[in-house]
């Protein structure tokens, strides 16, 4: 039997090259692929080393294909489109929509809406969830996700819906909130603060809350966790005060296992957006799912 051997760059490198060429910029390509600009630069640099020629002219923020890059782009685009068509053809036997999100979004925002989403998509459509730490969501997109959930101050370029705006306030058990109110009146020591121990990518922290509410400035951390779902469970067990995101803690508040500190929610310009990926733009069921998310978020 004749053997065929292919010596090809990775699909990650090819999709990075295609995105840079089409979007005319490394930063824009990184945003589209939900990865970092250094990662995109590494892919392009490795391709140029592999081919022994430059693929892009770089002049400040101006990024243009070289003649060699233009030739490679035409061939790479044809190959990627052909591969995507083959994948879509094989996948046609089982329509599905894949949603990529952080653990907190999956558990606290999507699962309560799961039954309604399934009903909106109709029978015969599989709804899949890919969960990861937020800074790793970019890898999930490369596995074929149709919709990705992002924290951002500005709306994404691609088709999207706003799931919720960031509104936060301290939450705890009724006993912890009673202690917090007594501390504000000078009648008790303040409860400890539960800290989200993650790289911050724009969401509100205790530092920002205390800057807006100086009466709590002396309150200190008592424990921390790198998973927001577990952090809320710690708060519900009476371990301390957590910062509650209004869109996330609704179930706890409805059940009474957590209550909010009296007063207004702190609102910011950060939003949680659901947006289509390139894969999702070709998936009619993904668009239907995005529409359903918009409807459900308004409830």
C-alpha atoms as a PDB file:
ATOM      1  CA  UNK A   1       0.000   0.000   0.000  1.00  0.00           C
ATOM      2  CA  UNK A   2       1.296   3.428  -0.901  1.00  0.00           C
ATOM      3  CA  UNK A   3       1.896   5.678   2.074  1.00  0.00           C
ATOM      4  CA  UNK A   4       1.315   9.385   2.039  1.00  0.00           C
ATOM      5  CA  UNK A   5       3.253  11.590   4.386  1.00  0.00           C
ATOM      6  CA  UNK A   6       2.330  15.153   5.088  1.00  0.00           C
ATOM      7  CA  UNK A   7       4.728  17.687   6.510  1.00  0.00           C
ATOM      8  CA  UNK A   8       2.339  20.463   7.454  1.00  0.00           C
ATOM      9  CA  UNK A   9       2.139  23.251  10.031  1.00  0.00           C
ATOM     10  CA  UNK A  10      -0.392  22.794  12.821  1.00  0.00           C
ATOM     11  CA  UNK A  11      -3.978  23.896  12.263  1.00  0.00           C
ATOM     12  CA  UNK A  12      -3.465  26.377  15.112  1.00  0.00           C
ATOM     13  CA  UNK A  13      -0.639  28.042  13.181  1.00  0.00           C
ATOM     14  CA  UNK A  14      -2.657  28.066   9.959  1.00  0.00           C
ATOM     15  CA  UNK A  15      -5.760  29.569  11.583  1.00  0.00           C
ATOM     16  CA  UNK A  16      -3.566  32.183  13.301  1.00  0.00           C
ATOM     17  CA  UNK A  17      -1.973  33.087   9.937  1.00  0.00           C
ATOM     18  CA  UNK A  18      -5.359  33.280   8.230  1.00  0.00           C
ATOM     19  CA  UNK A  19      -6.796  35.508  10.977  1.00  0.00           C
ATOM     20  CA  UNK A  20      -3.820  37.916  10.928  1.00  0.00           C
ATOM     21  CA  UNK A  21      -4.001  38.198   7.141  1.00  0.00           C
ATOM     22  CA  UNK A  22      -7.760  38.756   7.097  1.00  0.00           C
ATOM     23  CA  UNK A  23      -7.958  41.086  10.109  1.00  0.00           C
ATOM     24  CA  UNK A  24      -4.692  42.878   9.182  1.00  0.00           C
ATOM     25  CA  UNK A  25      -3.382  42.832  12.721  1.00  0.00           C
ATOM     26  CA  UNK A  26      -1.995  40.564  15.421  1.00  0.00           C
ATOM     27  CA  UNK A  27      -4.106  42.045  18.232  1.00  0.00           C
ATOM     28  CA  UNK A  28      -7.346  41.716  16.240  1.00  0.00           C
ATOM     29  CA  UNK A  29      -6.500  38.122  15.321  1.00  0.00           C
ATOM     30  CA  UNK A  30      -5.770  37.314  18.968  1.00  0.00           C
ATOM     31  CA  UNK A  31      -9.121  38.802  20.022  1.00  0.00           C
ATOM     32  CA  UNK A  32     -10.995  36.809  17.384  1.00  0.00           C
ATOM     33  CA  UNK A  33      -9.322  33.534  18.341  1.00  0.00           C
ATOM     34  CA  UNK A  34      -9.612  34.349  22.055  1.00  0.00           C
ATOM     35  CA  UNK A  35      -5.902  33.921  22.677  1.00  0.00           C
ATOM     36  CA  UNK A  36      -2.967  36.202  23.454  1.00  0.00           C
ATOM     37  CA  UNK A  37      -1.109  38.370  20.987  1.00  0.00           C
ATOM     38  CA  UNK A  38       2.247  36.705  21.921  1.00  0.00           C
ATOM     39  CA  UNK A  39       0.729  33.316  21.030  1.00  0.00           C
ATOM     40  CA  UNK A  40      -0.283  34.621  17.607  1.00  0.00           C
ATOM     41  CA  UNK A  41       3.183  36.132  17.105  1.00  0.00           C
ATOM     42  CA  UNK A  42       4.815  32.792  17.975  1.00  0.00           C
ATOM     43  CA  UNK A  43       2.738  30.976  15.364  1.00  0.00           C
ATOM     44  CA  UNK A  44       3.680  33.502  12.668  1.00  0.00           C
ATOM     45  CA  UNK A  45       7.342  33.513  13.645  1.00  0.00           C
ATOM     46  CA  UNK A  46       7.472  29.692  13.535  1.00  0.00           C
ATOM     47  CA  UNK A  47       5.870  29.682  10.091  1.00  0.00           C
ATOM     48  CA  UNK A  48       8.380  32.227   8.798  1.00  0.00           C
ATOM     49  CA  UNK A  49      11.261  30.213  10.231  1.00  0.00           C
ATOM     50  CA  UNK A  50       9.841  27.055   8.688  1.00  0.00           C
ATOM     51  CA  UNK A  51       9.479  28.647   5.244  1.00  0.00           C
ATOM     52  CA  UNK A  52      12.638  30.731   5.425  1.00  0.00           C
ATOM     53  CA  UNK A  53      10.825  33.875   4.313  1.00  0.00           C
ATOM     54  CA  UNK A  54       8.724  36.671   5.747  1.00  0.00           C
ATOM     55  CA  UNK A  55       4.974  36.348   5.377  1.00  0.00           C
ATOM     56  CA  UNK A  56       4.055  39.843   6.597  1.00  0.00           C
ATOM     57  CA  UNK A  57       5.362  43.378   6.297  1.00  0.00           C
ATOM     58  CA  UNK A  58       5.197  44.997   9.756  1.00  0.00           C
ATOM     59  CA  UNK A  59       5.215  48.771   9.971  1.00  0.00           C
ATOM     60  CA  UNK A  60       3.982  49.806  13.400  1.00  0.00           C
ATOM     61  CA  UNK A  61       0.339  48.759  13.564  1.00  0.00           C
ATOM     62  CA  UNK A  62       0.215  48.254   9.786  1.00  0.00           C
ATOM     63  CA  UNK A  63       0.399  44.545   8.893  1.00  0.00           C
ATOM     64  CA  UNK A  64       0.393  43.527   5.214  1.00  0.00           C
ATOM     65  CA  UNK A  65       1.095  40.269   3.410  1.00  0.00           C
ATOM     66  CA  UNK A  66       4.352  39.966   1.502  1.00  0.00           C
ATOM     67  CA  UNK A  67       4.197  38.463  -2.005  1.00  0.00           C
ATOM     68  CA  UNK A  68       5.147  35.100  -0.486  1.00  0.00           C
ATOM     69  CA  UNK A  69       2.464  35.575   2.170  1.00  0.00           C
ATOM     70  CA  UNK A  70      -0.176  36.359  -0.438  1.00  0.00           C
ATOM     71  CA  UNK A  71       0.582  33.171  -2.311  1.00  0.00           C
ATOM     72  CA  UNK A  72       0.509  31.089   0.845  1.00  0.00           C
ATOM     73  CA  UNK A  73      -2.688  32.783   2.049  1.00  0.00           C
ATOM     74  CA  UNK A  74      -4.604  31.803  -1.090  1.00  0.00           C
ATOM     75  CA  UNK A  75      -3.568  28.164  -0.754  1.00  0.00           C
ATOM     76  CA  UNK A  76      -4.028  28.035   3.035  1.00  0.00           C
ATOM     77  CA  UNK A  77      -7.511  29.547   2.806  1.00  0.00           C
ATOM     78  CA  UNK A  78      -8.563  27.025   0.186  1.00  0.00           C
ATOM     79  CA  UNK A  79      -7.207  24.170   2.294  1.00  0.00           C
ATOM     80  CA  UNK A  80      -8.849  25.392   5.514  1.00  0.00           C
ATOM     81  CA  UNK A  81     -12.188  25.913   3.778  1.00  0.00           C
ATOM     82  CA  UNK A  82     -11.983  22.429   2.302  1.00  0.00           C
ATOM     83  CA  UNK A  83     -11.147  20.908   5.670  1.00  0.00           C
ATOM     84  CA  UNK A  84     -13.984  22.822   7.354  1.00  0.00           C
ATOM     85  CA  UNK A  85     -16.424  21.659   4.682  1.00  0.00           C
ATOM     86  CA  UNK A  86     -15.348  18.056   5.273  1.00  0.00           C
ATOM     87  CA  UNK A  87     -15.814  18.453   9.019  1.00  0.00           C
ATOM     88  CA  UNK A  88     -19.250  20.031   8.533  1.00  0.00           C
ATOM     89  CA  UNK A  89     -20.299  17.229   6.179  1.00  0.00           C
ATOM     90  CA  UNK A  90     -19.351  14.532   8.686  1.00  0.00           C
ATOM     91  CA  UNK A  91     -21.022  16.439  11.529  1.00  0.00           C
ATOM     92  CA  UNK A  92     -24.305  16.878   9.669  1.00  0.00           C
ATOM     93  CA  UNK A  93     -25.577  13.555  10.978  1.00  0.00           C
ATOM     94  CA  UNK A  94     -25.790  14.968  14.530  1.00  0.00           C
ATOM     95  CA  UNK A  95     -26.550  18.705  14.747  1.00  0.00           C
ATOM     96  CA  UNK A  96     -25.056  20.199  17.857  1.00  0.00           C
ATOM     97  CA  UNK A  97     -24.205  23.481  19.529  1.00  0.00           C
ATOM     98  CA  UNK A  98     -21.120  23.749  21.710  1.00  0.00           C
ATOM     99  CA  UNK A  99     -20.835  26.482  24.330  1.00  0.00           C
ATOM    100  CA  UNK A 100     -17.452  27.353  25.860  1.00  0.00           C
ATOM    101  CA  UNK A 101     -17.344  29.168  29.181  1.00  0.00           C
ATOM    102  CA  UNK A 102     -15.747  29.383  32.587  1.00  0.00           C
ATOM    103  CA  UNK A 103     -16.921  27.021  35.331  1.00  0.00           C
ATOM    104  CA  UNK A 104     -18.841  29.843  37.015  1.00  0.00           C
ATOM    105  CA  UNK A 105     -20.741  30.815  33.854  1.00  0.00           C
ATOM    106  CA  UNK A 106     -21.535  27.183  33.078  1.00  0.00           C
ATOM    107  CA  UNK A 107     -22.748  26.298  36.572  1.00  0.00           C
ATOM    108  CA  UNK A 108     -24.427  29.532  37.649  1.00  0.00           C
ATOM    109  CA  UNK A 109     -25.722  31.047  34.392  1.00  0.00           C
ATOM    110  CA  UNK A 110     -26.170  28.246  31.859  1.00  0.00           C
ATOM    111  CA  UNK A 111     -27.334  25.261  33.876  1.00  0.00           C
ATOM    112  CA  UNK A 112     -30.389  27.097  35.295  1.00  0.00           C
ATOM    113  CA  UNK A 113     -31.321  27.880  31.673  1.00  0.00           C
ATOM    114  CA  UNK A 114     -30.503  24.426  30.307  1.00  0.00           C
ATOM    115  CA  UNK A 115     -34.076  23.155  29.945  1.00  0.00           C
ATOM    116  CA  UNK A 116     -35.220  26.350  28.214  1.00  0.00           C
ATOM    117  CA  UNK A 117     -32.238  26.262  25.840  1.00  0.00           C
ATOM    118  CA  UNK A 118     -32.962  22.666  24.893  1.00  0.00           C
ATOM    119  CA  UNK A 119     -36.596  23.534  24.266  1.00  0.00           C
ATOM    120  CA  UNK A 120     -35.603  26.503  22.106  1.00  0.00           C
ATOM    121  CA  UNK A 121     -33.240  24.408  19.963  1.00  0.00           C
ATOM    122  CA  UNK A 122     -35.760  21.635  19.425  1.00  0.00           C
ATOM    123  CA  UNK A 123     -35.443  17.878  19.408  1.00  0.00           C
ATOM    124  CA  UNK A 124     -32.477  16.211  17.765  1.00  0.00           C
ATOM    125  CA  UNK A 125     -29.968  18.982  18.549  1.00  0.00           C
ATOM    126  CA  UNK A 126     -27.236  18.158  21.032  1.00  0.00           C
ATOM    127  CA  UNK A 127     -26.216  20.912  23.445  1.00  0.00           C
ATOM    128  CA  UNK A 128     -22.616  20.534  24.616  1.00  0.00           C
ATOM    129  CA  UNK A 129     -20.705  22.481  27.266  1.00  0.00           C
ATOM    130  CA  UNK A 130     -16.953  23.006  27.362  1.00  0.00           C
ATOM    131  CA  UNK A 131     -15.735  24.469  30.648  1.00  0.00           C
ATOM    132  CA  UNK A 132     -12.283  25.698  31.596  1.00  0.00           C
ATOM    133  CA  UNK A 133     -10.576  28.364  33.634  1.00  0.00           C
ATOM    134  CA  UNK A 134     -11.360  31.658  31.949  1.00  0.00           C
ATOM    135  CA  UNK A 135      -7.831  32.280  30.634  1.00  0.00           C
ATOM    136  CA  UNK A 136      -7.908  28.856  28.915  1.00  0.00           C
ATOM    137  CA  UNK A 137     -11.172  29.375  26.996  1.00  0.00           C
ATOM    138  CA  UNK A 138      -9.180  30.141  23.834  1.00  0.00           C
ATOM    139  CA  UNK A 139      -8.116  26.490  23.640  1.00  0.00           C
ATOM    140  CA  UNK A 140     -11.771  25.440  23.800  1.00  0.00           C
ATOM    141  CA  UNK A 141     -12.575  27.528  20.729  1.00  0.00           C
ATOM    142  CA  UNK A 142     -10.089  25.495  18.697  1.00  0.00           C
ATOM    143  CA  UNK A 143     -11.975  22.315  19.624  1.00  0.00           C
ATOM    144  CA  UNK A 144     -15.038  23.517  17.692  1.00  0.00           C
ATOM    145  CA  UNK A 145     -16.995  25.711  20.108  1.00  0.00           C
ATOM    146  CA  UNK A 146     -19.854  27.649  18.509  1.00  0.00           C
ATOM    147  CA  UNK A 147     -20.516  30.198  21.265  1.00  0.00           C
ATOM    148  CA  UNK A 148     -18.018  31.576  23.752  1.00  0.00           C
ATOM    149  CA  UNK A 149     -18.755  33.585  26.901  1.00  0.00           C
ATOM    150  CA  UNK A 150     -16.492  36.554  27.628  1.00  0.00           C
ATOM    151  CA  UNK A 151     -16.070  39.299  30.199  1.00  0.00           C
ATOM    152  CA  UNK A 152     -15.501  42.636  28.449  1.00  0.00           C
ATOM    153  CA  UNK A 153     -16.008  46.374  28.767  1.00  0.00           C
ATOM    154  CA  UNK A 154     -16.865  46.741  25.084  1.00  0.00           C
ATOM    155  CA  UNK A 155     -19.072  44.541  22.935  1.00  0.00           C
ATOM    156  CA  UNK A 156     -17.333  41.934  20.717  1.00  0.00           C
ATOM    157  CA  UNK A 157     -17.056  42.475  16.963  1.00  0.00           C
ATOM    158  CA  UNK A 158     -18.817  39.233  16.096  1.00  0.00           C
ATOM    159  CA  UNK A 159     -22.561  38.540  16.516  1.00  0.00           C
ATOM    160  CA  UNK A 160     -23.259  38.575  20.238  1.00  0.00           C
ATOM    161  CA  UNK A 161     -25.767  39.123  23.016  1.00  0.00           C
ATOM    162  CA  UNK A 162     -25.260  40.767  26.394  1.00  0.00           C
ATOM    163  CA  UNK A 163     -26.029  38.205  29.090  1.00  0.00           C
ATOM    164  CA  UNK A 164     -25.736  40.563  32.055  1.00  0.00           C
ATOM    165  CA  UNK A 165     -23.939  43.641  33.326  1.00  0.00           C
ATOM    166  CA  UNK A 166     -21.632  43.382  36.308  1.00  0.00           C
ATOM    167  CA  UNK A 167     -23.481  44.316  39.500  1.00  0.00           C
ATOM    168  CA  UNK A 168     -21.921  43.234  42.789  1.00  0.00           C
ATOM    169  CA  UNK A 169     -22.447  43.451  46.529  1.00  0.00           C
ATOM    170  CA  UNK A 170     -21.278  41.420  49.559  1.00  0.00           C
ATOM    171  CA  UNK A 171     -23.314  38.284  50.263  1.00  0.00           C
ATOM    172  CA  UNK A 172     -23.284  35.837  53.134  1.00  0.00           C
ATOM    173  CA  UNK A 173     -25.492  33.761  55.354  1.00  0.00           C
ATOM    174  CA  UNK A 174     -28.093  35.678  57.367  1.00  0.00           C
ATOM    175  CA  UNK A 175     -25.850  35.323  60.431  1.00  0.00           C
ATOM    176  CA  UNK A 176     -22.795  36.712  58.604  1.00  0.00           C
ATOM    177  CA  UNK A 177     -24.792  39.622  57.187  1.00  0.00           C
ATOM    178  CA  UNK A 178     -26.109  40.397  60.683  1.00  0.00           C
ATOM    179  CA  UNK A 179     -22.510  40.491  61.904  1.00  0.00           C
ATOM    180  CA  UNK A 180     -21.521  42.755  58.994  1.00  0.00           C
ATOM    181  CA  UNK A 181     -24.345  45.193  59.798  1.00  0.00           C
ATOM    182  CA  UNK A 182     -23.302  45.250  63.443  1.00  0.00           C
ATOM    183  CA  UNK A 183     -19.700  45.933  62.387  1.00  0.00           C
ATOM    184  CA  UNK A 184     -20.849  48.894  60.272  1.00  0.00           C
ATOM    185  CA  UNK A 185     -22.550  50.272  63.394  1.00  0.00           C
ATOM    186  CA  UNK A 186     -19.407  49.707  65.478  1.00  0.00           C
ATOM    187  CA  UNK A 187     -21.015  47.012  67.591  1.00  0.00           C
ATOM    188  CA  UNK A 188     -19.014  43.948  66.409  1.00  0.00           C
ATOM    189  CA  UNK A 189     -15.877  42.843  64.610  1.00  0.00           C
ATOM    190  CA  UNK A 190     -16.374  42.558  60.834  1.00  0.00           C
ATOM    191  CA  UNK A 191     -16.706  39.130  59.225  1.00  0.00           C
ATOM    192  CA  UNK A 192     -13.799  37.835  57.159  1.00  0.00           C
ATOM    193  CA  UNK A 193     -13.739  38.351  53.401  1.00  0.00           C
ATOM    194  CA  UNK A 194     -13.623  35.447  50.950  1.00  0.00           C
ATOM    195  CA  UNK A 195     -11.298  36.322  48.066  1.00  0.00           C
ATOM    196  CA  UNK A 196     -11.408  34.977  44.506  1.00  0.00           C
ATOM    197  CA  UNK A 197      -7.833  33.864  43.952  1.00  0.00           C
ATOM    198  CA  UNK A 198      -7.626  34.169  40.172  1.00  0.00           C
ATOM    199  CA  UNK A 199      -5.762  36.374  37.752  1.00  0.00           C
ATOM    200  CA  UNK A 200      -8.074  39.345  37.451  1.00  0.00           C
ATOM    201  CA  UNK A 201      -9.258  40.047  33.909  1.00  0.00           C
ATOM    202  CA  UNK A 202     -11.438  43.037  34.622  1.00  0.00           C
ATOM    203  CA  UNK A 203     -14.041  41.973  37.172  1.00  0.00           C
ATOM    204  CA  UNK A 204     -14.618  43.757  40.487  1.00  0.00           C
ATOM    205  CA  UNK A 205     -12.510  42.782  43.501  1.00  0.00           C
ATOM    206  CA  UNK A 206     -12.799  43.541  47.198  1.00  0.00           C
ATOM    207  CA  UNK A 207     -10.277  46.347  46.678  1.00  0.00           C
ATOM    208  CA  UNK A 208     -12.630  48.096  44.252  1.00  0.00           C
ATOM    209  CA  UNK A 209     -15.627  47.498  46.488  1.00  0.00           C
ATOM    210  CA  UNK A 210     -13.823  48.952  49.510  1.00  0.00           C
ATOM    211  CA  UNK A 211     -12.698  51.971  47.503  1.00  0.00           C
ATOM    212  CA  UNK A 212     -16.368  52.680  46.763  1.00  0.00           C
ATOM    213  CA  UNK A 213     -17.408  51.849  50.352  1.00  0.00           C
ATOM    214  CA  UNK A 214     -14.656  53.180  52.643  1.00  0.00           C
ATOM    215  CA  UNK A 215     -16.625  52.135  55.728  1.00  0.00           C
ATOM    216  CA  UNK A 216     -15.471  48.562  54.936  1.00  0.00           C
ATOM    217  CA  UNK A 217     -11.828  49.505  54.236  1.00  0.00           C
ATOM    218  CA  UNK A 218     -10.471  47.778  57.348  1.00  0.00           C
ATOM    219  CA  UNK A 219     -12.165  44.461  56.659  1.00  0.00           C
ATOM    220  CA  UNK A 220      -9.654  41.742  55.823  1.00  0.00           C
ATOM    221  CA  UNK A 221      -9.459  38.456  53.948  1.00  0.00           C
ATOM    222  CA  UNK A 222     -10.058  35.258  55.889  1.00  0.00           C
ATOM    223  CA  UNK A 223      -9.899  32.675  53.092  1.00  0.00           C
ATOM    224  CA  UNK A 224      -9.613  32.360  49.307  1.00  0.00           C
ATOM    225  CA  UNK A 225     -10.432  29.995  46.474  1.00  0.00           C
ATOM    226  CA  UNK A 226      -9.611  29.964  42.761  1.00  0.00           C
ATOM    227  CA  UNK A 227     -13.101  28.745  41.763  1.00  0.00           C
ATOM    228  CA  UNK A 228     -16.032  31.142  42.134  1.00  0.00           C
ATOM    229  CA  UNK A 229     -18.611  28.352  42.487  1.00  0.00           C
ATOM    230  CA  UNK A 230     -16.682  26.892  45.429  1.00  0.00           C
ATOM    231  CA  UNK A 231     -16.262  30.389  46.867  1.00  0.00           C
ATOM    232  CA  UNK A 232     -20.036  30.850  46.958  1.00  0.00           C
ATOM    233  CA  UNK A 233     -20.422  27.440  48.571  1.00  0.00           C
ATOM    234  CA  UNK A 234     -17.964  28.540  51.262  1.00  0.00           C
ATOM    235  CA  UNK A 235     -20.030  31.675  51.817  1.00  0.00           C
ATOM    236  CA  UNK A 236     -23.236  29.603  52.017  1.00  0.00           C
ATOM    237  CA  UNK A 237     -21.545  27.468  54.696  1.00  0.00           C
ATOM    238  CA  UNK A 238     -20.930  30.580  56.797  1.00  0.00           C
ATOM    239  CA  UNK A 239     -17.191  30.909  56.156  1.00  0.00           C
ATOM    240  CA  UNK A 240     -17.359  34.670  55.499  1.00  0.00           C
ATOM    241  CA  UNK A 241     -18.505  37.375  53.110  1.00  0.00           C
ATOM    242  CA  UNK A 242     -18.182  36.860  49.355  1.00  0.00           C
ATOM    243  CA  UNK A 243     -18.627  39.376  46.572  1.00  0.00           C
ATOM    244  CA  UNK A 244     -21.812  38.308  44.838  1.00  0.00           C
ATOM    245  CA  UNK A 245     -22.357  38.962  41.124  1.00  0.00           C
ATOM    246  CA  UNK A 246     -26.056  39.633  40.654  1.00  0.00           C
ATOM    247  CA  UNK A 247     -26.284  37.431  37.578  1.00  0.00           C
ATOM    248  CA  UNK A 248     -24.597  34.542  39.395  1.00  0.00           C
ATOM    249  CA  UNK A 249     -26.073  34.473  42.913  1.00  0.00           C
ATOM    250  CA  UNK A 250     -29.771  34.570  42.040  1.00  0.00           C
ATOM    251  CA  UNK A 251     -30.313  30.936  42.944  1.00  0.00           C
ATOM    252  CA  UNK A 252     -28.645  31.338  46.339  1.00  0.00           C
ATOM    253  CA  UNK A 253     -30.675  34.473  47.075  1.00  0.00           C
ATOM    254  CA  UNK A 254     -33.933  32.798  46.009  1.00  0.00           C
ATOM    255  CA  UNK A 255     -33.237  29.828  48.295  1.00  0.00           C
ATOM    256  CA  UNK A 256     -32.210  32.078  51.177  1.00  0.00           C
ATOM    257  CA  UNK A 257     -28.864  30.340  51.653  1.00  0.00           C
ATOM    258  CA  UNK A 258     -27.228  33.697  50.919  1.00  0.00           C
ATOM    259  CA  UNK A 259     -28.524  37.212  51.441  1.00  0.00           C
ATOM    260  CA  UNK A 260     -27.100  40.488  50.256  1.00  0.00           C
ATOM    261  CA  UNK A 261     -25.729  43.281  52.395  1.00  0.00           C
ATOM    262  CA  UNK A 262     -28.437  45.979  52.472  1.00  0.00           C
ATOM    263  CA  UNK A 263     -27.765  48.801  50.030  1.00  0.00           C
ATOM    264  CA  UNK A 264     -27.337  49.293  46.319  1.00  0.00           C
ATOM    265  CA  UNK A 265     -25.497  46.962  43.973  1.00  0.00           C
ATOM    266  CA  UNK A 266     -22.187  48.335  42.674  1.00  0.00           C
ATOM    267  CA  UNK A 267     -22.547  48.618  38.891  1.00  0.00           C
ATOM    268  CA  UNK A 268     -19.612  48.697  36.458  1.00  0.00           C
ATOM    269  CA  UNK A 269     -19.126  48.860  32.698  1.00  0.00           C
ATOM    270  CA  UNK A 270     -18.090  45.184  32.523  1.00  0.00           C
ATOM    271  CA  UNK A 271     -20.502  42.804  30.833  1.00  0.00           C
ATOM    272  CA  UNK A 272     -20.729  39.090  30.186  1.00  0.00           C
ATOM    273  CA  UNK A 273     -21.233  38.531  26.468  1.00  0.00           C
ATOM    274  CA  UNK A 274     -22.083  35.410  24.500  1.00  0.00           C
ATOM    275  CA  UNK A 275     -20.639  35.648  20.992  1.00  0.00           C
ATOM    276  CA  UNK A 276     -20.478  33.419  17.960  1.00  0.00           C
ATOM    277  CA  UNK A 277     -17.130  31.971  16.921  1.00  0.00           C
ATOM    278  CA  UNK A 278     -16.210  31.483  13.263  1.00  0.00           C
ATOM    279  CA  UNK A 279     -17.533  27.957  13.610  1.00  0.00           C
ATOM    280  CA  UNK A 280     -20.764  29.239  15.152  1.00  0.00           C
ATOM    281  CA  UNK A 281     -21.363  31.707  12.322  1.00  0.00           C
ATOM    282  CA  UNK A 282     -21.755  28.709   9.993  1.00  0.00           C
ATOM    283  CA  UNK A 283     -24.097  26.892  12.383  1.00  0.00           C
ATOM    284  CA  UNK A 284     -27.777  27.886  12.128  1.00  0.00           C
ATOM    285  CA  UNK A 285     -28.504  26.133  15.431  1.00  0.00           C
ATOM    286  CA  UNK A 286     -25.820  28.231  17.130  1.00  0.00           C
ATOM    287  CA  UNK A 287     -27.562  31.382  15.925  1.00  0.00           C
ATOM    288  CA  UNK A 288     -30.850  30.018  17.272  1.00  0.00           C
ATOM    289  CA  UNK A 289     -29.128  29.339  20.586  1.00  0.00           C
ATOM    290  CA  UNK A 290     -27.762  32.896  20.694  1.00  0.00           C
ATOM    291  CA  UNK A 291     -31.275  34.240  20.109  1.00  0.00           C
ATOM    292  CA  UNK A 292     -32.594  32.016  22.901  1.00  0.00           C
ATOM    293  CA  UNK A 293     -29.886  33.263  25.268  1.00  0.00           C
ATOM    294  CA  UNK A 294     -30.921  36.845  24.527  1.00  0.00           C
ATOM    295  CA  UNK A 295     -34.548  36.030  25.293  1.00  0.00           C
ATOM    296  CA  UNK A 296     -33.727  34.140  28.491  1.00  0.00           C
ATOM    297  CA  UNK A 297     -31.361  36.842  29.721  1.00  0.00           C
ATOM    298  CA  UNK A 298     -34.196  39.344  29.554  1.00  0.00           C
ATOM    299  CA  UNK A 299     -36.325  37.347  31.954  1.00  0.00           C
END
